[in-house]
Structures are given as C-alpha cells and as structure tokens.
Amino acid sequence: MVVTQPKETLMNKHRPYIFLLALFCGLFIAAPAFAQTTPTTTPVDSDGITGIWIGVLQQIEGGTRAAYPFVMVLTQAETGSDVEGTSFIALPDSPSQYAAIALTGSLAGGRFDFAESEVVSQNADELRWCIKRGTLLLNGEELSGAWQGDQTCVPGLISLTRVSEQTSLETIVENELVSGIWVGSLYQDDGGGYPFAMVLSQAGSGDSVQGTSFIALPDDPSTYAAIALDGSISEDQFTFTETEIVAEADSKPFSWCLKNGALTRDGQVLSGTWQGDNTCESGSVVLVRLV
C-alpha cells in the first residue's frame, strides 16, 4: 500500500523484496528477503487463531522469487483445535498472477500445523502453484515459521500479522455485489507490492458501501494499518475512498497514504487502480473474495 515520509514517498524503498505467500512449483529463484533461519520463538498459548493474517511468504536461496505477498484467512472451531481457511498468494512483480488455496490445520499449544489441499481460484498463465504445508508458531498477533511443498518446490519461511479477528459477515444477499472479505495485494507503479485486504459491507439493495482496508509492509508485517473507507457500487464498478486510519503500529518512520480507487468486479475478483495524494505513487489492486 502507500506510505509517505515527510514530503517524499517511502514505499519505493520497499520494493521487489516484499511480497507474500504462495509459491509456484519449481519457479522461484531469488535472493531471500529475510534471514534464512528457522524461528526459535517459544509457542505462546492463545485464545485462538481465527482472523485475517497478512504478511509475506519467502523462499530460501534457489527459488525464482525471494518473497511474495501472502494472506491467510483462518477460522478455528469454537470447541477444539481444528482450523479451516484459505491462503492467498501472488507474484511480487505481476499482480494478476495469483492463487487462493483451501487449507486445513490444527492449533495446539501455540503451534499451528497446516496443509493446503486445492486451488480454489487462480490466474497462473500455465504455471503450477505449489501446494504447501508447514508449522507456524502463534505468538500474540504474530504467526511465523517454515513451510515446504513437494520435491519441485523450494521451501522457505512465512511471517504474518493478524489485522482483524473478523472472518465472517451477516448473510450476503444476491444483490450485494461487494459485501465480503477480499484479500490480495496492492502494487505501486514504481514496483513495490504489499499484502492487502478489504472487509466490505454493502447497504442491502443500495449502492453505498462501508468497510475497512488492511495493509502491511511486506518485509515487516507487524507494521500495518487498518483504514476506514466509504464507497459505492454501480453494476460491477466499485469506487472507494479511505477516510481515516483506525489502527496502526505505534512507531514507524513514515505516514500511511489514504487512497481512493476504482475497481471492477469480475465474479469473485476485484481489480483496478488506486491513487493517493501528491506524495504517493499510484498503482493497482487485485483482490479475491474469500467470504
């Protein structure tokens, strides 16, 4: 997404190294964006793992990309350790190349074991996405650990921050074209990419929309912002304007941009362009509705 420093844009300092989760089988070769060490944090017992988690998926040396924008939407059973959800991943340099992948897992003692099962939505231009499994440690609002795929996939690390505990909405009626939880990535024209999500609620049969967007730094998902937004939907055209930051990291050397944009709905995909004020580089957004 967009951040600014006093009188200059900051986003262009976090570039092709910052993207999230999901890899293609045997398609990743790039220098890693993080240290290539397995986290040693002791698991911390938690009230649960339900929520929207955004951050980055990294491959170790030998992959064709170093890091990818990555999102998980997870729902834990009300009683028990079972978890169901969906992951989203995109190419860091091509926002239209993405996949949403169903997953199951279990949470015990702060340890989240997961396994992806099948691609439920994708655009891959004949590339094959890796189906991943891994073990992540839950420590408060942070989730991190190692993942691996089959023998054709270069393994790596995942680092995520929970930005919302909401994973469901009231019943979505047929004419509510954009109500739901949309996850994906936001790109800037200068080449930077960020994990991005929107939780949107349409006013019944009306065209007004309210919601919240979530964005994080790809190389530091704990630095994120939740931003209130207003919008409207006309046929398949969704326009939005962010109005105010409602939550953000306590300390950071920049300010988040407030964005506005025009996105087109094509089934379960929202995509289009966005812009901010004069200090922000404009760019594009690709989102997939998971709920």
C-alpha atoms as a PDB file:
ATOM      1  CA  MET A   1       0.000   0.000   0.000  1.00  0.00           C
ATOM      2  CA  VAL A   2       1.094   3.537   0.323  1.00  0.00           C
ATOM      3  CA  VAL A   3       3.222   5.223   2.918  1.00  0.00           C
ATOM      4  CA  THR A   4       4.872   8.612   2.877  1.00  0.00           C
ATOM      5  CA  GLN A   5       7.733  10.233   4.662  1.00  0.00           C
ATOM      6  CA  PRO A   6       7.705  13.964   5.215  1.00  0.00           C
ATOM      7  CA  LYS A   7       7.479  15.404   1.694  1.00  0.00           C
ATOM      8  CA  GLU A   8       8.515  12.196  -0.060  1.00  0.00           C
ATOM      9  CA  THR A   9       7.261   8.733  -0.737  1.00  0.00           C
ATOM     10  CA  LEU A  10       8.572   5.875   1.354  1.00  0.00           C
ATOM     11  CA  MET A  11       7.009   2.927  -0.449  1.00  0.00           C
ATOM     12  CA  ASN A  12       9.556   2.981  -3.208  1.00  0.00           C
ATOM     13  CA  LYS A  13      12.166   1.966  -0.653  1.00  0.00           C
ATOM     14  CA  HIS A  14      10.472  -1.370  -0.029  1.00  0.00           C
ATOM     15  CA  ARG A  15      10.434  -2.957  -3.466  1.00  0.00           C
ATOM     16  CA  PRO A  16      10.635  -6.284  -5.196  1.00  0.00           C
ATOM     17  CA  TYR A  17      11.834  -7.863  -1.976  1.00  0.00           C
ATOM     18  CA  ILE A  18       8.472  -7.569  -0.247  1.00  0.00           C
ATOM     19  CA  PHE A  19       5.760  -9.899  -1.229  1.00  0.00           C
ATOM     20  CA  LEU A  20       3.613 -12.612   0.313  1.00  0.00           C
ATOM     21  CA  LEU A  21       2.928 -16.189   0.458  1.00  0.00           C
ATOM     22  CA  ALA A  22       2.311 -18.910  -2.180  1.00  0.00           C
ATOM     23  CA  LEU A  23       4.829 -20.236  -4.482  1.00  0.00           C
ATOM     24  CA  PHE A  24       4.917 -21.942  -7.821  1.00  0.00           C
ATOM     25  CA  CYS A  25       6.399 -25.371  -8.033  1.00  0.00           C
ATOM     26  CA  GLY A  26       9.998 -25.033  -9.073  1.00  0.00           C
ATOM     27  CA  LEU A  27       9.547 -21.447 -10.232  1.00  0.00           C
ATOM     28  CA  PHE A  28      11.336 -19.499  -7.526  1.00  0.00           C
ATOM     29  CA  ILE A  29      14.965 -18.469  -7.643  1.00  0.00           C
ATOM     30  CA  ALA A  30      15.949 -15.262  -5.928  1.00  0.00           C
ATOM     31  CA  ALA A  31      17.920 -13.865  -3.068  1.00  0.00           C
ATOM     32  CA  PRO A  32      15.961 -14.139   0.176  1.00  0.00           C
ATOM     33  CA  ALA A  33      14.437 -11.027   1.674  1.00  0.00           C
ATOM     34  CA  PHE A  34      14.883 -12.232   5.238  1.00  0.00           C
ATOM     35  CA  ALA A  35      17.476 -14.131   7.211  1.00  0.00           C
ATOM     36  CA  GLN A  36      17.126 -17.790   6.286  1.00  0.00           C
ATOM     37  CA  THR A  37      16.810 -19.200   9.762  1.00  0.00           C
ATOM     38  CA  THR A  38      14.010 -21.167  11.338  1.00  0.00           C
ATOM     39  CA  PRO A  39      12.211 -19.144  14.050  1.00  0.00           C
ATOM     40  CA  THR A  40      13.115 -20.192  17.564  1.00  0.00           C
ATOM     41  CA  THR A  41      10.331 -18.335  19.362  1.00  0.00           C
ATOM     42  CA  THR A  42       8.654 -20.427  22.052  1.00  0.00           C
ATOM     43  CA  PRO A  43       4.968 -21.038  21.203  1.00  0.00           C
ATOM     44  CA  VAL A  44       2.590 -18.978  23.319  1.00  0.00           C
ATOM     45  CA  ASP A  45      -0.867 -20.219  24.312  1.00  0.00           C
ATOM     46  CA  SER A  46      -3.529 -18.011  22.755  1.00  0.00           C
ATOM     47  CA  ASP A  47      -7.273 -17.533  22.724  1.00  0.00           C
ATOM     48  CA  GLY A  48      -7.252 -18.765  19.131  1.00  0.00           C
ATOM     49  CA  ILE A  49      -6.057 -18.231  15.606  1.00  0.00           C
ATOM     50  CA  THR A  50      -9.265 -17.023  13.942  1.00  0.00           C
ATOM     51  CA  GLY A  51      -8.699 -13.909  11.853  1.00  0.00           C
ATOM     52  CA  ILE A  52      -7.214 -12.281   8.788  1.00  0.00           C
ATOM     53  CA  TRP A  53      -3.430 -12.632   8.704  1.00  0.00           C
ATOM     54  CA  ILE A  54      -1.334 -10.690   6.212  1.00  0.00           C
ATOM     55  CA  GLY A  55       2.370 -10.710   5.525  1.00  0.00           C
ATOM     56  CA  VAL A  56       4.999 -12.396   3.421  1.00  0.00           C
ATOM     57  CA  LEU A  57       5.996 -15.817   2.176  1.00  0.00           C
ATOM     58  CA  GLN A  58       9.681 -16.262   1.499  1.00  0.00           C
ATOM     59  CA  GLN A  59      11.704 -18.885  -0.349  1.00  0.00           C
ATOM     60  CA  ILE A  60      15.236 -19.783   0.560  1.00  0.00           C
ATOM     61  CA  GLU A  61      18.056 -19.438  -1.941  1.00  0.00           C
ATOM     62  CA  GLY A  62      17.208 -21.337  -5.097  1.00  0.00           C
ATOM     63  CA  GLY A  63      13.701 -20.005  -5.687  1.00  0.00           C
ATOM     64  CA  THR A  64      12.811 -17.768  -8.627  1.00  0.00           C
ATOM     65  CA  ARG A  65      11.442 -15.085  -6.269  1.00  0.00           C
ATOM     66  CA  ALA A  66      12.651 -14.079  -2.831  1.00  0.00           C
ATOM     67  CA  ALA A  67       9.300 -13.159  -1.296  1.00  0.00           C
ATOM     68  CA  TYR A  68       5.606 -12.983  -2.133  1.00  0.00           C
ATOM     69  CA  PRO A  69       2.598 -11.095  -0.761  1.00  0.00           C
ATOM     70  CA  PHE A  70       0.720 -13.647   1.358  1.00  0.00           C
ATOM     71  CA  VAL A  71      -2.567 -13.740   3.275  1.00  0.00           C
ATOM     72  CA  MET A  72      -4.347 -16.354   5.376  1.00  0.00           C
ATOM     73  CA  VAL A  73      -7.985 -16.172   6.464  1.00  0.00           C
ATOM     74  CA  LEU A  74      -8.396 -18.725   9.274  1.00  0.00           C
ATOM     75  CA  THR A  75     -11.374 -19.922  11.315  1.00  0.00           C
ATOM     76  CA  GLN A  76     -10.842 -22.110  14.375  1.00  0.00           C
ATOM     77  CA  ALA A  77     -13.628 -24.406  15.613  1.00  0.00           C
ATOM     78  CA  GLU A  78     -15.476 -22.955  18.618  1.00  0.00           C
ATOM     79  CA  THR A  79     -14.519 -26.044  20.592  1.00  0.00           C
ATOM     80  CA  GLY A  80     -11.380 -27.927  19.694  1.00  0.00           C
ATOM     81  CA  SER A  81      -8.203 -27.293  17.769  1.00  0.00           C
ATOM     82  CA  ASP A  82      -9.386 -27.777  14.172  1.00  0.00           C
ATOM     83  CA  VAL A  83      -8.805 -24.876  11.770  1.00  0.00           C
ATOM     84  CA  GLU A  84     -10.112 -24.246   8.258  1.00  0.00           C
ATOM     85  CA  GLY A  85      -9.206 -21.443   5.915  1.00  0.00           C
ATOM     86  CA  THR A  86      -7.841 -20.102   2.674  1.00  0.00           C
ATOM     87  CA  SER A  87      -4.446 -18.711   1.718  1.00  0.00           C
ATOM     88  CA  PHE A  88      -3.762 -16.122  -0.981  1.00  0.00           C
ATOM     89  CA  ILE A  89      -0.507 -15.613  -2.820  1.00  0.00           C
ATOM     90  CA  ALA A  90       0.617 -13.517  -5.776  1.00  0.00           C
ATOM     91  CA  LEU A  91       3.731 -12.950  -7.823  1.00  0.00           C
ATOM     92  CA  PRO A  92       5.578  -9.921  -6.451  1.00  0.00           C
ATOM     93  CA  ASP A  93       6.110  -8.457  -9.911  1.00  0.00           C
ATOM     94  CA  SER A  94       2.792  -9.433 -11.546  1.00  0.00           C
ATOM     95  CA  PRO A  95      -0.352  -8.714  -9.510  1.00  0.00           C
ATOM     96  CA  SER A  96      -2.632 -10.529 -11.964  1.00  0.00           C
ATOM     97  CA  GLN A  97      -0.839 -13.828 -11.264  1.00  0.00           C
ATOM     98  CA  TYR A  98      -2.373 -15.158  -8.057  1.00  0.00           C
ATOM     99  CA  ALA A  99      -3.922 -18.165  -6.347  1.00  0.00           C
ATOM    100  CA  ALA A 100      -6.360 -18.730  -3.497  1.00  0.00           C
ATOM    101  CA  ILE A 101      -5.802 -22.148  -1.899  1.00  0.00           C
ATOM    102  CA  ALA A 102      -8.006 -24.035   0.605  1.00  0.00           C
ATOM    103  CA  LEU A 103      -6.292 -25.310   3.744  1.00  0.00           C
ATOM    104  CA  THR A 104      -6.935 -27.175   6.976  1.00  0.00           C
ATOM    105  CA  GLY A 105      -4.907 -27.336  10.152  1.00  0.00           C
ATOM    106  CA  SER A 106      -4.827 -27.602  13.909  1.00  0.00           C
ATOM    107  CA  LEU A 107      -3.690 -25.354  16.742  1.00  0.00           C
ATOM    108  CA  ALA A 108      -2.221 -26.835  19.914  1.00  0.00           C
ATOM    109  CA  GLY A 109      -0.060 -25.090  22.497  1.00  0.00           C
ATOM    110  CA  GLY A 110       0.660 -22.166  20.200  1.00  0.00           C
ATOM    111  CA  ARG A 111       1.749 -24.420  17.331  1.00  0.00           C
ATOM    112  CA  PHE A 112      -0.262 -24.203  14.089  1.00  0.00           C
ATOM    113  CA  ASP A 113       0.223 -27.114  11.693  1.00  0.00           C
ATOM    114  CA  PHE A 114      -1.412 -26.576   8.300  1.00  0.00           C
ATOM    115  CA  ALA A 115      -1.722 -28.259   4.930  1.00  0.00           C
ATOM    116  CA  GLU A 116      -3.120 -26.705   1.754  1.00  0.00           C
ATOM    117  CA  SER A 117      -5.384 -29.010  -0.246  1.00  0.00           C
ATOM    118  CA  GLU A 118      -6.566 -27.464  -3.510  1.00  0.00           C
ATOM    119  CA  VAL A 119      -6.510 -24.271  -5.541  1.00  0.00           C
ATOM    120  CA  VAL A 120      -9.981 -22.693  -5.430  1.00  0.00           C
ATOM    121  CA  SER A 121      -9.256 -19.622  -7.582  1.00  0.00           C
ATOM    122  CA  GLN A 122      -6.254 -18.715  -9.703  1.00  0.00           C
ATOM    123  CA  ASN A 123      -4.733 -16.961 -12.638  1.00  0.00           C
ATOM    124  CA  ALA A 124      -1.368 -18.513 -13.409  1.00  0.00           C
ATOM    125  CA  ASP A 125      -0.701 -18.431 -17.165  1.00  0.00           C
ATOM    126  CA  GLU A 126       0.053 -22.166 -17.317  1.00  0.00           C
ATOM    127  CA  LEU A 127       2.224 -22.076 -14.184  1.00  0.00           C
ATOM    128  CA  ARG A 128       1.503 -24.543 -11.387  1.00  0.00           C
ATOM    129  CA  TRP A 129       1.216 -23.269  -7.823  1.00  0.00           C
ATOM    130  CA  CYS A 130       2.862 -25.232  -5.030  1.00  0.00           C
ATOM    131  CA  ILE A 131       0.545 -26.869  -2.504  1.00  0.00           C
ATOM    132  CA  LYS A 132       2.196 -26.131   0.809  1.00  0.00           C
ATOM    133  CA  ARG A 133       2.269 -27.447   4.344  1.00  0.00           C
ATOM    134  CA  GLY A 134       4.065 -26.103   7.379  1.00  0.00           C
ATOM    135  CA  THR A 135       4.327 -25.367  11.073  1.00  0.00           C
ATOM    136  CA  LEU A 136       3.863 -21.808  12.318  1.00  0.00           C
ATOM    137  CA  LEU A 137       4.237 -20.513  15.871  1.00  0.00           C
ATOM    138  CA  LEU A 138       1.496 -18.274  17.264  1.00  0.00           C
ATOM    139  CA  ASN A 139       2.871 -15.506  19.463  1.00  0.00           C
ATOM    140  CA  GLY A 140       0.199 -12.933  20.269  1.00  0.00           C
ATOM    141  CA  GLU A 141      -0.762 -11.301  16.986  1.00  0.00           C
ATOM    142  CA  GLU A 142       2.184 -12.744  15.052  1.00  0.00           C
ATOM    143  CA  LEU A 143       2.401 -16.058  13.212  1.00  0.00           C
ATOM    144  CA  SER A 144       5.671 -17.314  11.741  1.00  0.00           C
ATOM    145  CA  GLY A 145       7.526 -20.459  10.817  1.00  0.00           C
ATOM    146  CA  ALA A 146       8.639 -22.718   7.991  1.00  0.00           C
ATOM    147  CA  TRP A 147       6.789 -24.204   5.021  1.00  0.00           C
ATOM    148  CA  GLN A 148       7.570 -26.801   2.378  1.00  0.00           C
ATOM    149  CA  GLY A 149       5.909 -28.265  -0.701  1.00  0.00           C
ATOM    150  CA  ASP A 150       6.643 -31.253  -2.899  1.00  0.00           C
ATOM    151  CA  GLN A 151      10.100 -32.024  -4.260  1.00  0.00           C
ATOM    152  CA  THR A 152       9.790 -29.456  -7.049  1.00  0.00           C
ATOM    153  CA  CYS A 153       9.143 -26.551  -4.634  1.00  0.00           C
ATOM    154  CA  VAL A 154      11.900 -24.622  -2.897  1.00  0.00           C
ATOM    155  CA  PRO A 155      10.847 -24.251   0.786  1.00  0.00           C
ATOM    156  CA  GLY A 156      11.046 -21.155   2.941  1.00  0.00           C
ATOM    157  CA  LEU A 157       9.523 -19.085   5.736  1.00  0.00           C
ATOM    158  CA  ILE A 158       6.207 -17.364   6.441  1.00  0.00           C
ATOM    159  CA  SER A 159       5.720 -14.249   8.575  1.00  0.00           C
ATOM    160  CA  LEU A 160       2.195 -12.907   9.228  1.00  0.00           C
ATOM    161  CA  THR A 161       0.409 -10.392  11.458  1.00  0.00           C
ATOM    162  CA  ARG A 162      -3.271 -10.638  12.449  1.00  0.00           C
ATOM    163  CA  VAL A 163      -5.019  -7.456  11.333  1.00  0.00           C
ATOM    164  CA  SER A 164      -8.608  -8.482  12.110  1.00  0.00           C
ATOM    165  CA  GLU A 165     -10.436 -11.210  14.035  1.00  0.00           C
ATOM    166  CA  GLN A 166     -13.384 -10.992  11.646  1.00  0.00           C
ATOM    167  CA  THR A 167     -13.740 -13.921   9.243  1.00  0.00           C
ATOM    168  CA  SER A 168     -17.482 -13.901   8.562  1.00  0.00           C
ATOM    169  CA  LEU A 169     -20.247 -11.437   7.739  1.00  0.00           C
ATOM    170  CA  GLU A 170     -24.003 -11.448   8.059  1.00  0.00           C
ATOM    171  CA  THR A 171     -25.709 -13.393   5.273  1.00  0.00           C
ATOM    172  CA  ILE A 172     -24.762 -11.859   1.931  1.00  0.00           C
ATOM    173  CA  VAL A 173     -27.824 -11.444  -0.264  1.00  0.00           C
ATOM    174  CA  GLU A 174     -27.668 -11.927  -4.004  1.00  0.00           C
ATOM    175  CA  ASN A 175     -27.684  -8.254  -4.925  1.00  0.00           C
ATOM    176  CA  GLU A 176     -24.886  -7.318  -2.536  1.00  0.00           C
ATOM    177  CA  LEU A 177     -22.135  -7.366  -5.129  1.00  0.00           C
ATOM    178  CA  VAL A 178     -19.146  -6.492  -2.948  1.00  0.00           C
ATOM    179  CA  SER A 179     -20.016  -7.489   0.626  1.00  0.00           C
ATOM    180  CA  GLY A 180     -17.382  -9.847   1.933  1.00  0.00           C
ATOM    181  CA  ILE A 181     -13.748 -10.332   2.895  1.00  0.00           C
ATOM    182  CA  TRP A 182     -11.427  -9.647  -0.019  1.00  0.00           C
ATOM    183  CA  VAL A 183      -7.719 -10.462   0.180  1.00  0.00           C
ATOM    184  CA  GLY A 184      -4.836  -9.950  -2.194  1.00  0.00           C
ATOM    185  CA  SER A 185      -2.098  -7.485  -2.942  1.00  0.00           C
ATOM    186  CA  LEU A 186      -1.641  -3.792  -3.606  1.00  0.00           C
ATOM    187  CA  TYR A 187       1.030  -2.599  -6.013  1.00  0.00           C
ATOM    188  CA  GLN A 188       2.667   0.719  -6.748  1.00  0.00           C
ATOM    189  CA  ASP A 189       3.738   1.806 -10.209  1.00  0.00           C
ATOM    190  CA  ASP A 190       7.334   2.068  -9.012  1.00  0.00           C
ATOM    191  CA  GLY A 191       7.416  -1.695  -8.473  1.00  0.00           C
ATOM    192  CA  GLY A 192       6.565  -2.137  -4.792  1.00  0.00           C
ATOM    193  CA  GLY A 193       3.968  -4.716  -3.655  1.00  0.00           C
ATOM    194  CA  TYR A 194       2.129  -5.066  -0.326  1.00  0.00           C
ATOM    195  CA  PRO A 195      -0.233  -7.617   1.241  1.00  0.00           C
ATOM    196  CA  PHE A 196      -3.683  -6.023   1.229  1.00  0.00           C
ATOM    197  CA  ALA A 197      -7.236  -6.859   2.337  1.00  0.00           C
ATOM    198  CA  MET A 198     -10.657  -5.232   2.443  1.00  0.00           C
ATOM    199  CA  VAL A 199     -13.670  -6.113   4.602  1.00  0.00           C
ATOM    200  CA  LEU A 200     -16.697  -4.577   2.841  1.00  0.00           C
ATOM    201  CA  SER A 201     -20.385  -4.297   3.739  1.00  0.00           C
ATOM    202  CA  GLN A 202     -22.934  -3.146   1.171  1.00  0.00           C
ATOM    203  CA  ALA A 203     -26.137  -1.468   2.359  1.00  0.00           C
ATOM    204  CA  GLY A 204     -28.646  -4.105   1.252  1.00  0.00           C
ATOM    205  CA  SER A 205     -30.132  -3.204  -2.116  1.00  0.00           C
ATOM    206  CA  GLY A 206     -28.499   0.233  -2.063  1.00  0.00           C
ATOM    207  CA  ASP A 207     -25.235   1.161  -3.722  1.00  0.00           C
ATOM    208  CA  SER A 208     -23.360   2.544  -0.697  1.00  0.00           C
ATOM    209  CA  VAL A 209     -20.514   0.516   0.825  1.00  0.00           C
ATOM    210  CA  GLN A 210     -18.609   0.858   4.084  1.00  0.00           C
ATOM    211  CA  GLY A 211     -15.606  -1.063   5.234  1.00  0.00           C
ATOM    212  CA  THR A 212     -12.016  -1.285   6.361  1.00  0.00           C
ATOM    213  CA  SER A 213      -8.821  -1.888   4.431  1.00  0.00           C
ATOM    214  CA  PHE A 214      -5.694  -3.512   5.867  1.00  0.00           C
ATOM    215  CA  ILE A 215      -2.150  -3.131   4.619  1.00  0.00           C
ATOM    216  CA  ALA A 216       1.298  -4.147   5.888  1.00  0.00           C
ATOM    217  CA  LEU A 217       4.940  -3.732   4.982  1.00  0.00           C
ATOM    218  CA  PRO A 218       5.961  -6.903   3.139  1.00  0.00           C
ATOM    219  CA  ASP A 219       9.273  -7.123   4.940  1.00  0.00           C
ATOM    220  CA  ASP A 220       7.772  -6.317   8.373  1.00  0.00           C
ATOM    221  CA  PRO A 221       4.116  -7.416   8.633  1.00  0.00           C
ATOM    222  CA  SER A 222       3.890  -6.181  12.230  1.00  0.00           C
ATOM    223  CA  THR A 223       3.959  -2.674  10.744  1.00  0.00           C
ATOM    224  CA  TYR A 224       0.443  -2.385   9.379  1.00  0.00           C
ATOM    225  CA  ALA A 225      -2.579  -0.094   9.260  1.00  0.00           C
ATOM    226  CA  ALA A 226      -6.349  -0.535   9.371  1.00  0.00           C
ATOM    227  CA  ILE A 227      -8.082   2.247   7.422  1.00  0.00           C
ATOM    228  CA  ALA A 228     -11.813   3.077   7.322  1.00  0.00           C
ATOM    229  CA  LEU A 229     -13.305   3.564   3.870  1.00  0.00           C
ATOM    230  CA  ASP A 230     -16.518   4.575   2.119  1.00  0.00           C
ATOM    231  CA  GLY A 231     -17.536   3.532  -1.358  1.00  0.00           C
ATOM    232  CA  SER A 232     -20.272   2.794  -3.847  1.00  0.00           C
ATOM    233  CA  ILE A 233     -21.062   0.018  -6.296  1.00  0.00           C
ATOM    234  CA  SER A 234     -22.739   0.563  -9.670  1.00  0.00           C
ATOM    235  CA  GLU A 235     -23.217  -2.628 -11.653  1.00  0.00           C
ATOM    236  CA  ASP A 236     -19.684  -4.087 -11.473  1.00  0.00           C
ATOM    237  CA  GLN A 237     -17.807  -0.825 -10.809  1.00  0.00           C
ATOM    238  CA  PHE A 238     -16.683  -0.242  -7.205  1.00  0.00           C
ATOM    239  CA  THR A 239     -15.237   3.138  -6.240  1.00  0.00           C
ATOM    240  CA  PHE A 240     -13.793   3.772  -2.775  1.00  0.00           C
ATOM    241  CA  THR A 241     -12.161   6.463  -0.671  1.00  0.00           C
ATOM    242  CA  GLU A 242     -10.221   5.781   2.516  1.00  0.00           C
ATOM    243  CA  THR A 243     -11.157   8.284   5.207  1.00  0.00           C
ATOM    244  CA  GLU A 244      -9.095   7.714   8.356  1.00  0.00           C
ATOM    245  CA  ILE A 245      -6.602   5.369   9.963  1.00  0.00           C
ATOM    246  CA  VAL A 246      -8.321   3.469  12.777  1.00  0.00           C
ATOM    247  CA  ALA A 247      -5.346   1.343  13.928  1.00  0.00           C
ATOM    248  CA  GLU A 248      -1.630   1.240  13.138  1.00  0.00           C
ATOM    249  CA  ALA A 249       1.788   0.334  14.508  1.00  0.00           C
ATOM    250  CA  ASP A 250       2.805   2.625  17.355  1.00  0.00           C
ATOM    251  CA  SER A 251       6.150   3.709  15.926  1.00  0.00           C
ATOM    252  CA  LYS A 252       7.248   3.988  12.308  1.00  0.00           C
ATOM    253  CA  PRO A 253       9.329   6.481  10.290  1.00  0.00           C
ATOM    254  CA  PHE A 254       6.574   7.264   7.761  1.00  0.00           C
ATOM    255  CA  SER A 255       2.876   8.004   7.326  1.00  0.00           C
ATOM    256  CA  TRP A 256       0.398   5.748   5.541  1.00  0.00           C
ATOM    257  CA  CYS A 257      -1.250   7.168   2.440  1.00  0.00           C
ATOM    258  CA  LEU A 258      -5.026   7.478   2.300  1.00  0.00           C
ATOM    259  CA  LYS A 259      -6.096   6.031  -1.025  1.00  0.00           C
ATOM    260  CA  ASN A 260      -9.003   6.211  -3.425  1.00  0.00           C
ATOM    261  CA  GLY A 261      -9.627   3.998  -6.386  1.00  0.00           C
ATOM    262  CA  ALA A 262     -11.877   2.423  -8.988  1.00  0.00           C
ATOM    263  CA  LEU A 263     -12.104  -1.379  -9.101  1.00  0.00           C
ATOM    264  CA  THR A 264     -14.003  -3.692 -11.432  1.00  0.00           C
ATOM    265  CA  ARG A 265     -15.755  -6.795 -10.089  1.00  0.00           C
ATOM    266  CA  ASP A 266     -15.410  -9.911 -12.216  1.00  0.00           C
ATOM    267  CA  GLY A 267     -17.071 -12.738 -10.321  1.00  0.00           C
ATOM    268  CA  GLN A 268     -15.064 -13.196  -7.123  1.00  0.00           C
ATOM    269  CA  VAL A 269     -12.210 -10.891  -8.219  1.00  0.00           C
ATOM    270  CA  LEU A 270     -11.861  -7.123  -7.706  1.00  0.00           C
ATOM    271  CA  SER A 271      -9.121  -5.352  -9.636  1.00  0.00           C
ATOM    272  CA  GLY A 272      -8.282  -1.859 -10.777  1.00  0.00           C
ATOM    273  CA  THR A 273      -6.258   1.219  -9.969  1.00  0.00           C
ATOM    274  CA  TRP A 274      -5.757   3.459  -6.961  1.00  0.00           C
ATOM    275  CA  GLN A 275      -4.130   6.796  -6.204  1.00  0.00           C
ATOM    276  CA  GLY A 276      -3.315   8.928  -3.184  1.00  0.00           C
ATOM    277  CA  ASP A 277      -2.147  12.487  -2.672  1.00  0.00           C
ATOM    278  CA  ASN A 278       0.818  14.047  -4.458  1.00  0.00           C
ATOM    279  CA  THR A 279       3.342  12.309  -2.180  1.00  0.00           C
ATOM    280  CA  CYS A 280       2.095   8.798  -3.029  1.00  0.00           C
ATOM    281  CA  GLU A 281       2.923   6.730  -6.077  1.00  0.00           C
ATOM    282  CA  SER A 282      -0.281   5.365  -7.611  1.00  0.00           C
ATOM    283  CA  GLY A 283      -0.756   1.737  -8.580  1.00  0.00           C
ATOM    284  CA  SER A 284      -3.065  -1.261  -8.902  1.00  0.00           C
ATOM    285  CA  VAL A 285      -5.007  -3.650  -6.660  1.00  0.00           C
ATOM    286  CA  VAL A 286      -6.017  -7.311  -7.142  1.00  0.00           C
ATOM    287  CA  LEU A 287      -8.326  -8.916  -4.551  1.00  0.00           C
ATOM    288  CA  VAL A 288     -10.179 -12.248  -4.330  1.00  0.00           C
ATOM    289  CA  ARG A 289     -13.342 -12.659  -2.237  1.00  0.00           C
ATOM    290  CA  LEU A 290     -12.867 -15.467   0.278  1.00  0.00           C
ATOM    291  CA  VAL A 291     -16.064 -14.900   2.308  1.00  0.00           C
END
